[in-house]
Amino acid sequence: MVRTIKLYGNYFADFYTEQPDKVKDKIDYVIDMVRFVERVPEKFLKHLTGTDGLYEVRVSTAFKNIRVFCFFDEGQLVVLTNCFIKKTQRTPKKELDLAHKLKQEYFKNKNSKS
């Protein structure tokens, strides 16, 4: 295993459980790629330009383009936050703002425990 995956909040889990099995299989495939492949192709994991270290895991199915926001912590820990079904070229500001908020919250909570 190259990276460890961690969920922050219930956003990803709630979204995932609502998906049909075929979509879940595709999400699992891409998440496993992030977990096990040293150099993940940008087609599946892309840094979001103009953000403070946010990435999107990109899952494409025949009918949906799913985006899962994430960020790195301590090198090889990937923290998954919120996700959505992409319907336009632009990433919805509401989703991006939520990802930023969750990232800040994650590090604030983590630092207050140490």
PDB file of N, CA and C in Angstrom:
ATOM      1  N   MET A   1       0.850  -1.187   0.000  1.00  0.00           N
ATOM      2  CA  MET A   1       0.000   0.000   0.000  1.00  0.00           C
ATOM      3  C   MET A   1       0.887   1.238   0.000  1.00  0.00           C
ATOM      4  N   VAL A   2       0.587   2.157  -0.915  1.00  0.00           N
ATOM      5  CA  VAL A   2       1.364   3.377  -1.044  1.00  0.00           C
ATOM      6  C   VAL A   2       0.791   4.480  -0.153  1.00  0.00           C
ATOM      7  N   ARG A   3      -0.543   4.573  -0.115  1.00  0.00           N
ATOM      8  CA  ARG A   3      -1.209   5.613   0.665  1.00  0.00           C
ATOM      9  C   ARG A   3      -2.307   5.001   1.537  1.00  0.00           C
ATOM     10  N   THR A   4      -2.648   5.724   2.588  1.00  0.00           N
ATOM     11  CA  THR A   4      -3.761   5.337   3.450  1.00  0.00           C
ATOM     12  C   THR A   4      -4.914   6.299   3.172  1.00  0.00           C
ATOM     13  N   ILE A   5      -6.119   5.762   3.113  1.00  0.00           N
ATOM     14  CA  ILE A   5      -7.305   6.579   2.861  1.00  0.00           C
ATOM     15  C   ILE A   5      -8.069   6.743   4.167  1.00  0.00           C
ATOM     16  N   LYS A   6      -8.486   7.974   4.439  1.00  0.00           N
ATOM     17  CA  LYS A   6      -9.264   8.260   5.642  1.00  0.00           C
ATOM     18  C   LYS A   6     -10.460   9.116   5.234  1.00  0.00           C
ATOM     19  N   LEU A   7     -11.603   8.869   5.838  1.00  0.00           N
ATOM     20  CA  LEU A   7     -12.788   9.683   5.567  1.00  0.00           C
ATOM     21  C   LEU A   7     -12.899  10.736   6.654  1.00  0.00           C
ATOM     22  N   TYR A   8     -13.254  11.950   6.263  1.00  0.00           N
ATOM     23  CA  TYR A   8     -13.510  12.993   7.253  1.00  0.00           C
ATOM     24  C   TYR A   8     -14.960  13.428   7.117  1.00  0.00           C
ATOM     25  N   GLY A   9     -15.702  13.280   8.190  1.00  0.00           N
ATOM     26  CA  GLY A   9     -17.132  13.573   8.157  1.00  0.00           C
ATOM     27  C   GLY A   9     -17.877  12.425   7.484  1.00  0.00           C
ATOM     28  N   ASN A  10     -19.169  12.615   7.307  1.00  0.00           N
ATOM     29  CA  ASN A  10     -20.005  11.565   6.706  1.00  0.00           C
ATOM     30  C   ASN A  10     -20.308  11.818   5.238  1.00  0.00           C
ATOM     31  N   TYR A  11     -19.750  12.884   4.677  1.00  0.00           N
ATOM     32  CA  TYR A  11     -20.111  13.292   3.319  1.00  0.00           C
ATOM     33  C   TYR A  11     -19.867  12.182   2.293  1.00  0.00           C
ATOM     34  N   PHE A  12     -18.672  11.625   2.304  1.00  0.00           N
ATOM     35  CA  PHE A  12     -18.351  10.590   1.327  1.00  0.00           C
ATOM     36  C   PHE A  12     -19.193   9.342   1.575  1.00  0.00           C
ATOM     37  N   ALA A  13     -19.250   8.882   2.812  1.00  0.00           N
ATOM     38  CA  ALA A  13     -19.982   7.650   3.140  1.00  0.00           C
ATOM     39  C   ALA A  13     -21.463   7.771   2.775  1.00  0.00           C
ATOM     40  N   ASP A  14     -22.074   8.920   3.075  1.00  0.00           N
ATOM     41  CA  ASP A  14     -23.487   9.132   2.745  1.00  0.00           C
ATOM     42  C   ASP A  14     -23.708   9.088   1.233  1.00  0.00           C
ATOM     43  N   PHE A  15     -22.830   9.750   0.491  1.00  0.00           N
ATOM     44  CA  PHE A  15     -22.924   9.774  -0.968  1.00  0.00           C
ATOM     45  C   PHE A  15     -22.751   8.363  -1.527  1.00  0.00           C
ATOM     46  N   TYR A  16     -21.736   7.666  -1.029  1.00  0.00           N
ATOM     47  CA  TYR A  16     -21.383   6.329  -1.511  1.00  0.00           C
ATOM     48  C   TYR A  16     -22.542   5.347  -1.329  1.00  0.00           C
ATOM     49  N   THR A  17     -23.166   5.364  -0.152  1.00  0.00           N
ATOM     50  CA  THR A  17     -24.235   4.394   0.121  1.00  0.00           C
ATOM     51  C   THR A  17     -25.447   4.603  -0.776  1.00  0.00           C
ATOM     52  N   GLU A  18     -25.624   5.816  -1.299  1.00  0.00           N
ATOM     53  CA  GLU A  18     -26.770   6.093  -2.177  1.00  0.00           C
ATOM     54  C   GLU A  18     -26.540   5.631  -3.620  1.00  0.00           C
ATOM     55  N   GLN A  19     -25.313   5.247  -3.955  1.00  0.00           N
ATOM     56  CA  GLN A  19     -24.993   4.910  -5.346  1.00  0.00           C
ATOM     57  C   GLN A  19     -25.348   3.459  -5.665  1.00  0.00           C
ATOM     58  N   PRO A  20     -25.705   3.191  -6.936  1.00  0.00           N
ATOM     59  CA  PRO A  20     -25.933   1.802  -7.360  1.00  0.00           C
ATOM     60  C   PRO A  20     -24.626   1.005  -7.303  1.00  0.00           C
ATOM     61  N   ASP A  21     -24.727  -0.312  -7.228  1.00  0.00           N
ATOM     62  CA  ASP A  21     -23.544  -1.171  -7.078  1.00  0.00           C
ATOM     63  C   ASP A  21     -22.491  -0.947  -8.164  1.00  0.00           C
ATOM     64  N   LYS A  22     -22.915  -0.753  -9.403  1.00  0.00           N
ATOM     65  CA  LYS A  22     -21.942  -0.555 -10.486  1.00  0.00           C
ATOM     66  C   LYS A  22     -21.135   0.721 -10.282  1.00  0.00           C
ATOM     67  N   VAL A  23     -21.792   1.751  -9.793  1.00  0.00           N
ATOM     68  CA  VAL A  23     -21.093   3.018  -9.522  1.00  0.00           C
ATOM     69  C   VAL A  23     -20.159   2.842  -8.325  1.00  0.00           C
ATOM     70  N   LYS A  24     -20.627   2.125  -7.298  1.00  0.00           N
ATOM     71  CA  LYS A  24     -19.764   1.842  -6.140  1.00  0.00           C
ATOM     72  C   LYS A  24     -18.508   1.095  -6.582  1.00  0.00           C
ATOM     73  N   ASP A  25     -18.676   0.129  -7.480  1.00  0.00           N
ATOM     74  CA  ASP A  25     -17.516  -0.630  -7.990  1.00  0.00           C
ATOM     75  C   ASP A  25     -16.516   0.300  -8.656  1.00  0.00           C
ATOM     76  N   LYS A  26     -17.007   1.242  -9.426  1.00  0.00           N
ATOM     77  CA  LYS A  26     -16.129   2.185 -10.125  1.00  0.00           C
ATOM     78  C   LYS A  26     -15.419   3.107  -9.121  1.00  0.00           C
ATOM     79  N   ILE A  27     -16.167   3.585  -8.116  1.00  0.00           N
ATOM     80  CA  ILE A  27     -15.571   4.418  -7.070  1.00  0.00           C
ATOM     81  C   ILE A  27     -14.482   3.622  -6.345  1.00  0.00           C
ATOM     82  N   ASP A  28     -14.789   2.374  -5.986  1.00  0.00           N
ATOM     83  CA  ASP A  28     -13.812   1.513  -5.303  1.00  0.00           C
ATOM     84  C   ASP A  28     -12.554   1.345  -6.147  1.00  0.00           C
ATOM     85  N   TYR A  29     -12.735   1.155  -7.444  1.00  0.00           N
ATOM     86  CA  TYR A  29     -11.601   0.967  -8.356  1.00  0.00           C
ATOM     87  C   TYR A  29     -10.674   2.193  -8.324  1.00  0.00           C
ATOM     88  N   VAL A  30     -11.256   3.369  -8.428  1.00  0.00           N
ATOM     89  CA  VAL A  30     -10.439   4.591  -8.463  1.00  0.00           C
ATOM     90  C   VAL A  30      -9.803   4.862  -7.093  1.00  0.00           C
ATOM     91  N   ILE A  31     -10.546   4.655  -6.016  1.00  0.00           N
ATOM     92  CA  ILE A  31      -9.985   4.845  -4.666  1.00  0.00           C
ATOM     93  C   ILE A  31      -8.836   3.858  -4.443  1.00  0.00           C
ATOM     94  N   ASP A  32      -8.992   2.618  -4.894  1.00  0.00           N
ATOM     95  CA  ASP A  32      -7.910   1.637  -4.785  1.00  0.00           C
ATOM     96  C   ASP A  32      -6.684   2.079  -5.588  1.00  0.00           C
ATOM     97  N   MET A  33      -6.916   2.704  -6.720  1.00  0.00           N
ATOM     98  CA  MET A  33      -5.795   3.203  -7.510  1.00  0.00           C
ATOM     99  C   MET A  33      -5.035   4.278  -6.718  1.00  0.00           C
ATOM    100  N   VAL A  34      -5.768   5.173  -6.083  1.00  0.00           N
ATOM    101  CA  VAL A  34      -5.138   6.208  -5.259  1.00  0.00           C
ATOM    102  C   VAL A  34      -4.360   5.547  -4.117  1.00  0.00           C
ATOM    103  N   ARG A  35      -4.915   4.485  -3.578  1.00  0.00           N
ATOM    104  CA  ARG A  35      -4.293   3.800  -2.441  1.00  0.00           C
ATOM    105  C   ARG A  35      -3.036   3.015  -2.837  1.00  0.00           C
ATOM    106  N   PHE A  36      -3.063   2.349  -3.997  1.00  0.00           N
ATOM    107  CA  PHE A  36      -2.005   1.389  -4.313  1.00  0.00           C
ATOM    108  C   PHE A  36      -1.033   1.792  -5.415  1.00  0.00           C
ATOM    109  N   VAL A  37      -1.384   2.753  -6.262  1.00  0.00           N
ATOM    110  CA  VAL A  37      -0.520   3.108  -7.396  1.00  0.00           C
ATOM    111  C   VAL A  37       0.359   4.299  -7.024  1.00  0.00           C
ATOM    112  N   GLU A  38       1.668   4.135  -7.237  1.00  0.00           N
ATOM    113  CA  GLU A  38       2.638   5.179  -6.883  1.00  0.00           C
ATOM    114  C   GLU A  38       2.331   6.505  -7.592  1.00  0.00           C
ATOM    115  N   ARG A  39       2.199   6.466  -8.912  1.00  0.00           N
ATOM    116  CA  ARG A  39       1.925   7.678  -9.701  1.00  0.00           C
ATOM    117  C   ARG A  39       0.541   7.549 -10.341  1.00  0.00           C
ATOM    118  N   VAL A  40      -0.439   8.121  -9.671  1.00  0.00           N
ATOM    119  CA  VAL A  40      -1.824   8.036 -10.150  1.00  0.00           C
ATOM    120  C   VAL A  40      -1.991   8.992 -11.335  1.00  0.00           C
ATOM    121  N   PRO A  41      -2.500   8.505 -12.469  1.00  0.00           N
ATOM    122  CA  PRO A  41      -2.714   9.397 -13.620  1.00  0.00           C
ATOM    123  C   PRO A  41      -3.661  10.544 -13.264  1.00  0.00           C
ATOM    124  N   GLU A  42      -3.407  11.710 -13.857  1.00  0.00           N
ATOM    125  CA  GLU A  42      -4.223  12.893 -13.587  1.00  0.00           C
ATOM    126  C   GLU A  42      -5.694  12.667 -13.956  1.00  0.00           C
ATOM    127  N   LYS A  43      -5.929  11.721 -14.817  1.00  0.00           N
ATOM    128  CA  LYS A  43      -7.305  11.374 -15.189  1.00  0.00           C
ATOM    129  C   LYS A  43      -8.110  10.930 -13.954  1.00  0.00           C
ATOM    130  N   PHE A  44      -7.418  10.412 -12.932  1.00  0.00           N
ATOM    131  CA  PHE A  44      -8.081   9.888 -11.738  1.00  0.00           C
ATOM    132  C   PHE A  44      -7.850  10.717 -10.474  1.00  0.00           C
ATOM    133  N   LEU A  45      -6.743  11.445 -10.400  1.00  0.00           N
ATOM    134  CA  LEU A  45      -6.436  12.267  -9.219  1.00  0.00           C
ATOM    135  C   LEU A  45      -5.767  13.540  -9.705  1.00  0.00           C
ATOM    136  N   LYS A  46      -6.436  14.668  -9.469  1.00  0.00           N
ATOM    137  CA  LYS A  46      -5.934  15.929 -10.021  1.00  0.00           C
ATOM    138  C   LYS A  46      -5.892  17.001  -8.950  1.00  0.00           C
ATOM    139  N   HIS A  47      -4.765  17.738  -8.911  1.00  0.00           N
ATOM    140  CA  HIS A  47      -4.665  18.890  -8.015  1.00  0.00           C
ATOM    141  C   HIS A  47      -5.547  19.998  -8.564  1.00  0.00           C
ATOM    142  N   LEU A  48      -6.285  20.644  -7.694  1.00  0.00           N
ATOM    143  CA  LEU A  48      -7.155  21.740  -8.127  1.00  0.00           C
ATOM    144  C   LEU A  48      -6.369  23.046  -8.079  1.00  0.00           C
ATOM    145  N   THR A  49      -6.137  23.619  -9.228  1.00  0.00           N
ATOM    146  CA  THR A  49      -5.356  24.852  -9.318  1.00  0.00           C
ATOM    147  C   THR A  49      -6.053  25.964  -8.555  1.00  0.00           C
ATOM    148  N   GLY A  50      -5.244  26.792  -7.924  1.00  0.00           N
ATOM    149  CA  GLY A  50      -5.791  27.923  -7.181  1.00  0.00           C
ATOM    150  C   GLY A  50      -6.341  27.541  -5.823  1.00  0.00           C
ATOM    151  N   THR A  51      -6.081  26.299  -5.376  1.00  0.00           N
ATOM    152  CA  THR A  51      -6.545  25.887  -4.039  1.00  0.00           C
ATOM    153  C   THR A  51      -5.323  25.600  -3.178  1.00  0.00           C
ATOM    154  N   ASP A  52      -5.553  25.577  -1.909  1.00  0.00           N
ATOM    155  CA  ASP A  52      -4.476  25.309  -0.958  1.00  0.00           C
ATOM    156  C   ASP A  52      -4.374  23.801  -0.704  1.00  0.00           C
ATOM    157  N   GLY A  53      -3.871  23.068  -1.715  1.00  0.00           N
ATOM    158  CA  GLY A  53      -3.638  21.643  -1.529  1.00  0.00           C
ATOM    159  C   GLY A  53      -4.853  20.745  -1.656  1.00  0.00           C
ATOM    160  N   LEU A  54      -5.897  21.221  -2.304  1.00  0.00           N
ATOM    161  CA  LEU A  54      -7.060  20.355  -2.534  1.00  0.00           C
ATOM    162  C   LEU A  54      -6.884  19.576  -3.833  1.00  0.00           C
ATOM    163  N   TYR A  55      -7.344  18.345  -3.813  1.00  0.00           N
ATOM    164  CA  TYR A  55      -7.318  17.475  -4.993  1.00  0.00           C
ATOM    165  C   TYR A  55      -8.719  16.971  -5.231  1.00  0.00           C
ATOM    166  N   GLU A  56      -8.942  16.444  -6.440  1.00  0.00           N
ATOM    167  CA  GLU A  56     -10.202  15.759  -6.685  1.00  0.00           C
ATOM    168  C   GLU A  56      -9.901  14.377  -7.233  1.00  0.00           C
ATOM    169  N   VAL A  57     -10.582  13.390  -6.658  1.00  0.00           N
ATOM    170  CA  VAL A  57     -10.561  12.035  -7.188  1.00  0.00           C
ATOM    171  C   VAL A  57     -11.649  12.038  -8.247  1.00  0.00           C
ATOM    172  N   ARG A  58     -11.289  11.601  -9.459  1.00  0.00           N
ATOM    173  CA  ARG A  58     -12.213  11.696 -10.591  1.00  0.00           C
ATOM    174  C   ARG A  58     -12.702  10.311 -10.985  1.00  0.00           C
ATOM    175  N   VAL A  59     -14.003  10.113 -10.869  1.00  0.00           N
ATOM    176  CA  VAL A  59     -14.628   8.840 -11.216  1.00  0.00           C
ATOM    177  C   VAL A  59     -15.601   9.097 -12.357  1.00  0.00           C
ATOM    178  N   SER A  60     -15.381   8.431 -13.489  1.00  0.00           N
ATOM    179  CA  SER A  60     -16.276   8.592 -14.634  1.00  0.00           C
ATOM    180  C   SER A  60     -16.981   7.280 -14.928  1.00  0.00           C
ATOM    181  N   THR A  61     -18.288   7.359 -15.023  1.00  0.00           N
ATOM    182  CA  THR A  61     -19.070   6.190 -15.419  1.00  0.00           C
ATOM    183  C   THR A  61     -19.756   6.554 -16.736  1.00  0.00           C
ATOM    184  N   ALA A  62     -20.533   5.657 -17.265  1.00  0.00           N
ATOM    185  CA  ALA A  62     -21.226   5.922 -18.530  1.00  0.00           C
ATOM    186  C   ALA A  62     -22.195   7.098 -18.401  1.00  0.00           C
ATOM    187  N   PHE A  63     -22.754   7.294 -17.214  1.00  0.00           N
ATOM    188  CA  PHE A  63     -23.792   8.310 -17.052  1.00  0.00           C
ATOM    189  C   PHE A  63     -23.424   9.443 -16.106  1.00  0.00           C
ATOM    190  N   LYS A  64     -22.363   9.281 -15.316  1.00  0.00           N
ATOM    191  CA  LYS A  64     -22.039  10.284 -14.290  1.00  0.00           C
ATOM    192  C   LYS A  64     -20.545  10.566 -14.254  1.00  0.00           C
ATOM    193  N   ASN A  65     -20.229  11.810 -13.924  1.00  0.00           N
ATOM    194  CA  ASN A  65     -18.863  12.170 -13.567  1.00  0.00           C
ATOM    195  C   ASN A  65     -18.903  12.564 -12.104  1.00  0.00           C
ATOM    196  N   ILE A  66     -18.229  11.776 -11.287  1.00  0.00           N
ATOM    197  CA  ILE A  66     -18.245  11.993  -9.842  1.00  0.00           C
ATOM    198  C   ILE A  66     -16.908  12.598  -9.440  1.00  0.00           C
ATOM    199  N   ARG A  67     -16.957  13.571  -8.534  1.00  0.00           N
ATOM    200  CA  ARG A  67     -15.752  14.182  -7.999  1.00  0.00           C
ATOM    201  C   ARG A  67     -15.765  14.028  -6.486  1.00  0.00           C
ATOM    202  N   VAL A  68     -14.632  13.558  -5.950  1.00  0.00           N
ATOM    203  CA  VAL A  68     -14.461  13.417  -4.508  1.00  0.00           C
ATOM    204  C   VAL A  68     -13.306  14.317  -4.118  1.00  0.00           C
ATOM    205  N   PHE A  69     -13.564  15.312  -3.289  1.00  0.00           N
ATOM    206  CA  PHE A  69     -12.487  16.198  -2.844  1.00  0.00           C
ATOM    207  C   PHE A  69     -11.652  15.498  -1.786  1.00  0.00           C
ATOM    208  N   CYS A  70     -10.366  15.808  -1.804  1.00  0.00           N
ATOM    209  CA  CYS A  70      -9.471  15.227  -0.807  1.00  0.00           C
ATOM    210  C   CYS A  70      -8.253  16.127  -0.643  1.00  0.00           C
ATOM    211  N   PHE A  71      -7.458  15.804   0.373  1.00  0.00           N
ATOM    212  CA  PHE A  71      -6.186  16.488   0.600  1.00  0.00           C
ATOM    213  C   PHE A  71      -5.248  15.520   1.294  1.00  0.00           C
ATOM    214  N   PHE A  72      -3.972  15.863   1.300  1.00  0.00           N
ATOM    215  CA  PHE A  72      -2.975  14.998   1.913  1.00  0.00           C
ATOM    216  C   PHE A  72      -2.642  15.484   3.317  1.00  0.00           C
ATOM    217  N   ASP A  73      -2.356  14.538   4.194  1.00  0.00           N
ATOM    218  CA  ASP A  73      -1.891  14.842   5.547  1.00  0.00           C
ATOM    219  C   ASP A  73      -0.713  13.926   5.836  1.00  0.00           C
ATOM    220  N   GLU A  74       0.353  14.492   6.339  1.00  0.00           N
ATOM    221  CA  GLU A  74       1.557  13.719   6.683  1.00  0.00           C
ATOM    222  C   GLU A  74       1.989  12.793   5.552  1.00  0.00           C
ATOM    223  N   GLY A  75       2.142  13.361   4.377  1.00  0.00           N
ATOM    224  CA  GLY A  75       2.702  12.610   3.261  1.00  0.00           C
ATOM    225  C   GLY A  75       1.759  11.669   2.561  1.00  0.00           C
ATOM    226  N   GLN A  76       1.570  10.483   3.122  1.00  0.00           N
ATOM    227  CA  GLN A  76       0.832   9.449   2.392  1.00  0.00           C
ATOM    228  C   GLN A  76      -0.574   9.175   2.915  1.00  0.00           C
ATOM    229  N   LEU A  77      -1.091  10.069   3.753  1.00  0.00           N
ATOM    230  CA  LEU A  77      -2.463   9.920   4.224  1.00  0.00           C
ATOM    231  C   LEU A  77      -3.354  10.811   3.360  1.00  0.00           C
ATOM    232  N   VAL A  78      -4.340  10.205   2.707  1.00  0.00           N
ATOM    233  CA  VAL A  78      -5.272  10.952   1.863  1.00  0.00           C
ATOM    234  C   VAL A  78      -6.603  11.029   2.610  1.00  0.00           C
ATOM    235  N   VAL A  79      -7.060  12.253   2.840  1.00  0.00           N
ATOM    236  CA  VAL A  79      -8.299  12.468   3.578  1.00  0.00           C
ATOM    237  C   VAL A  79      -9.396  12.849   2.583  1.00  0.00           C
ATOM    238  N   LEU A  80     -10.441  12.009   2.505  1.00  0.00           N
ATOM    239  CA  LEU A  80     -11.571  12.273   1.612  1.00  0.00           C
ATOM    240  C   LEU A  80     -12.614  13.104   2.347  1.00  0.00           C
ATOM    241  N   THR A  81     -13.118  14.140   1.659  1.00  0.00           N
ATOM    242  CA  THR A  81     -14.138  14.986   2.295  1.00  0.00           C
ATOM    243  C   THR A  81     -15.459  14.819   1.543  1.00  0.00           C
ATOM    244  N   ASN A  82     -15.939  15.866   0.933  1.00  0.00           N
ATOM    245  CA  ASN A  82     -17.234  15.828   0.251  1.00  0.00           C
ATOM    246  C   ASN A  82     -17.102  15.397  -1.200  1.00  0.00           C
ATOM    247  N   CYS A  83     -18.233  15.040  -1.797  1.00  0.00           N
ATOM    248  CA  CYS A  83     -18.228  14.634  -3.201  1.00  0.00           C
ATOM    249  C   CYS A  83     -19.555  15.029  -3.843  1.00  0.00           C
ATOM    250  N   PHE A  84     -19.555  15.023  -5.159  1.00  0.00           N
ATOM    251  CA  PHE A  84     -20.757  15.439  -5.882  1.00  0.00           C
ATOM    252  C   PHE A  84     -20.709  14.875  -7.293  1.00  0.00           C
ATOM    253  N   ILE A  85     -21.838  14.937  -7.963  1.00  0.00           N
ATOM    254  CA  ILE A  85     -21.918  14.539  -9.370  1.00  0.00           C
ATOM    255  C   ILE A  85     -21.730  15.799 -10.196  1.00  0.00           C
ATOM    256  N   LYS A  86     -20.726  15.771 -11.040  1.00  0.00           N
ATOM    257  CA  LYS A  86     -20.381  16.949 -11.844  1.00  0.00           C
ATOM    258  C   LYS A  86     -21.329  17.043 -13.036  1.00  0.00           C
ATOM    259  N   LYS A  87     -21.996  18.184 -13.161  1.00  0.00           N
ATOM    260  CA  LYS A  87     -22.982  18.355 -14.234  1.00  0.00           C
ATOM    261  C   LYS A  87     -22.561  19.405 -15.243  1.00  0.00           C
ATOM    262  N   THR A  88     -21.571  20.226 -14.883  1.00  0.00           N
ATOM    263  CA  THR A  88     -21.092  21.280 -15.790  1.00  0.00           C
ATOM    264  C   THR A  88     -19.569  21.248 -15.818  1.00  0.00           C
ATOM    265  N   GLN A  89     -18.991  22.078 -16.656  1.00  0.00           N
ATOM    266  CA  GLN A  89     -17.524  22.156 -16.744  1.00  0.00           C
ATOM    267  C   GLN A  89     -16.928  22.713 -15.458  1.00  0.00           C
ATOM    268  N   ARG A  90     -17.637  23.647 -14.852  1.00  0.00           N
ATOM    269  CA  ARG A  90     -17.126  24.313 -13.653  1.00  0.00           C
ATOM    270  C   ARG A  90     -17.462  23.531 -12.390  1.00  0.00           C
ATOM    271  N   THR A  91     -16.525  23.552 -11.458  1.00  0.00           N
ATOM    272  CA  THR A  91     -16.775  22.937 -10.156  1.00  0.00           C
ATOM    273  C   THR A  91     -17.638  23.901  -9.346  1.00  0.00           C
ATOM    274  N   PRO A  92     -18.757  23.428  -8.793  1.00  0.00           N
ATOM    275  CA  PRO A  92     -19.627  24.319  -8.016  1.00  0.00           C
ATOM    276  C   PRO A  92     -18.891  24.954  -6.829  1.00  0.00           C
ATOM    277  N   LYS A  93     -19.018  26.270  -6.719  1.00  0.00           N
ATOM    278  CA  LYS A  93     -18.337  27.014  -5.657  1.00  0.00           C
ATOM    279  C   LYS A  93     -18.746  26.493  -4.277  1.00  0.00           C
ATOM    280  N   LYS A  94     -20.017  26.147  -4.133  1.00  0.00           N
ATOM    281  CA  LYS A  94     -20.533  25.640  -2.851  1.00  0.00           C
ATOM    282  C   LYS A  94     -19.748  24.389  -2.417  1.00  0.00           C
ATOM    283  N   GLU A  95     -19.499  23.473  -3.354  1.00  0.00           N
ATOM    284  CA  GLU A  95     -18.772  22.234  -3.046  1.00  0.00           C
ATOM    285  C   GLU A  95     -17.312  22.523  -2.718  1.00  0.00           C
ATOM    286  N   LEU A  96     -16.714  23.441  -3.469  1.00  0.00           N
ATOM    287  CA  LEU A  96     -15.313  23.824  -3.246  1.00  0.00           C
ATOM    288  C   LEU A  96     -15.158  24.496  -1.885  1.00  0.00           C
ATOM    289  N   ASP A  97     -16.084  25.392  -1.555  1.00  0.00           N
ATOM    290  CA  ASP A  97     -16.053  26.072  -0.250  1.00  0.00           C
ATOM    291  C   ASP A  97     -16.187  25.066   0.890  1.00  0.00           C
ATOM    292  N   LEU A  98     -17.070  24.081   0.712  1.00  0.00           N
ATOM    293  CA  LEU A  98     -17.249  23.053   1.741  1.00  0.00           C
ATOM    294  C   LEU A  98     -15.963  22.252   1.917  1.00  0.00           C
ATOM    295  N   ALA A  99     -15.309  21.890   0.817  1.00  0.00           N
ATOM    296  CA  ALA A  99     -14.047  21.135   0.900  1.00  0.00           C
ATOM    297  C   ALA A  99     -12.984  21.930   1.656  1.00  0.00           C
ATOM    298  N   HIS A 100     -12.881  23.234   1.368  1.00  0.00           N
ATOM    299  CA  HIS A 100     -11.925  24.091   2.096  1.00  0.00           C
ATOM    300  C   HIS A 100     -12.243  24.120   3.582  1.00  0.00           C
ATOM    301  N   LYS A 101     -13.523  24.293   3.895  1.00  0.00           N
ATOM    302  CA  LYS A 101     -13.959  24.363   5.289  1.00  0.00           C
ATOM    303  C   LYS A 101     -13.622  23.051   6.019  1.00  0.00           C
ATOM    304  N   LEU A 102     -13.899  21.922   5.376  1.00  0.00           N
ATOM    305  CA  LEU A 102     -13.635  20.622   6.006  1.00  0.00           C
ATOM    306  C   LEU A 102     -12.137  20.404   6.217  1.00  0.00           C
ATOM    307  N   LYS A 103     -11.333  20.840   5.270  1.00  0.00           N
ATOM    308  CA  LYS A 103      -9.880  20.701   5.411  1.00  0.00           C
ATOM    309  C   LYS A 103      -9.386  21.518   6.604  1.00  0.00           C
ATOM    310  N   GLN A 104      -9.842  22.763   6.706  1.00  0.00           N
ATOM    311  CA  GLN A 104      -9.432  23.618   7.838  1.00  0.00           C
ATOM    312  C   GLN A 104      -9.892  23.014   9.158  1.00  0.00           C
ATOM    313  N   GLU A 105     -11.114  22.532   9.184  1.00  0.00           N
ATOM    314  CA  GLU A 105     -11.684  21.903  10.384  1.00  0.00           C
ATOM    315  C   GLU A 105     -10.867  20.675  10.794  1.00  0.00           C
ATOM    316  N   TYR A 106     -10.506  19.864   9.805  1.00  0.00           N
ATOM    317  CA  TYR A 106      -9.723  18.644  10.052  1.00  0.00           C
ATOM    318  C   TYR A 106      -8.409  18.989  10.759  1.00  0.00           C
ATOM    319  N   PHE A 107      -7.663  19.940  10.201  1.00  0.00           N
ATOM    320  CA  PHE A 107      -6.362  20.285  10.791  1.00  0.00           C
ATOM    321  C   PHE A 107      -6.514  20.995  12.132  1.00  0.00           C
ATOM    322  N   LYS A 108      -7.551  21.796  12.288  1.00  0.00           N
ATOM    323  CA  LYS A 108      -7.798  22.465  13.567  1.00  0.00           C
ATOM    324  C   LYS A 108      -8.062  21.415  14.646  1.00  0.00           C
ATOM    325  N   ASN A 109      -8.944  20.430  14.339  1.00  0.00           N
ATOM    326  CA  ASN A 109      -9.255  19.360  15.308  1.00  0.00           C
ATOM    327  C   ASN A 109      -8.023  18.504  15.595  1.00  0.00           C
ATOM    328  N   LYS A 110      -7.255  18.212  14.559  1.00  0.00           N
ATOM    329  CA  LYS A 110      -6.075  17.369  14.717  1.00  0.00           C
ATOM    330  C   LYS A 110      -5.049  18.067  15.606  1.00  0.00           C
ATOM    331  N   ASN A 111      -4.832  19.359  15.366  1.00  0.00           N
ATOM    332  CA  ASN A 111      -3.823  20.114  16.139  1.00  0.00           C
ATOM    333  C   ASN A 111      -4.261  20.361  17.572  1.00  0.00           C
ATOM    334  N   SER A 112      -5.561  20.426  17.813  1.00  0.00           N
ATOM    335  CA  SER A 112      -6.031  20.657  19.185  1.00  0.00           C
ATOM    336  C   SER A 112      -5.891  19.395  20.041  1.00  0.00           C
ATOM    337  N   LYS A 113      -5.798  18.239  19.381  1.00  0.00           N
ATOM    338  CA  LYS A 113      -5.633  16.967  20.108  1.00  0.00           C
ATOM    339  C   LYS A 113      -4.190  16.706  20.502  1.00  0.00           C
ATOM    340  N   SER A 114      -3.253  17.325  19.765  1.00  0.00           N
ATOM    341  CA  SER A 114      -1.841  17.022  20.053  1.00  0.00           C
ATOM    342  C   SER A 114      -1.256  17.953  21.084  1.00  0.00           C
TER     343      SER A 114
END
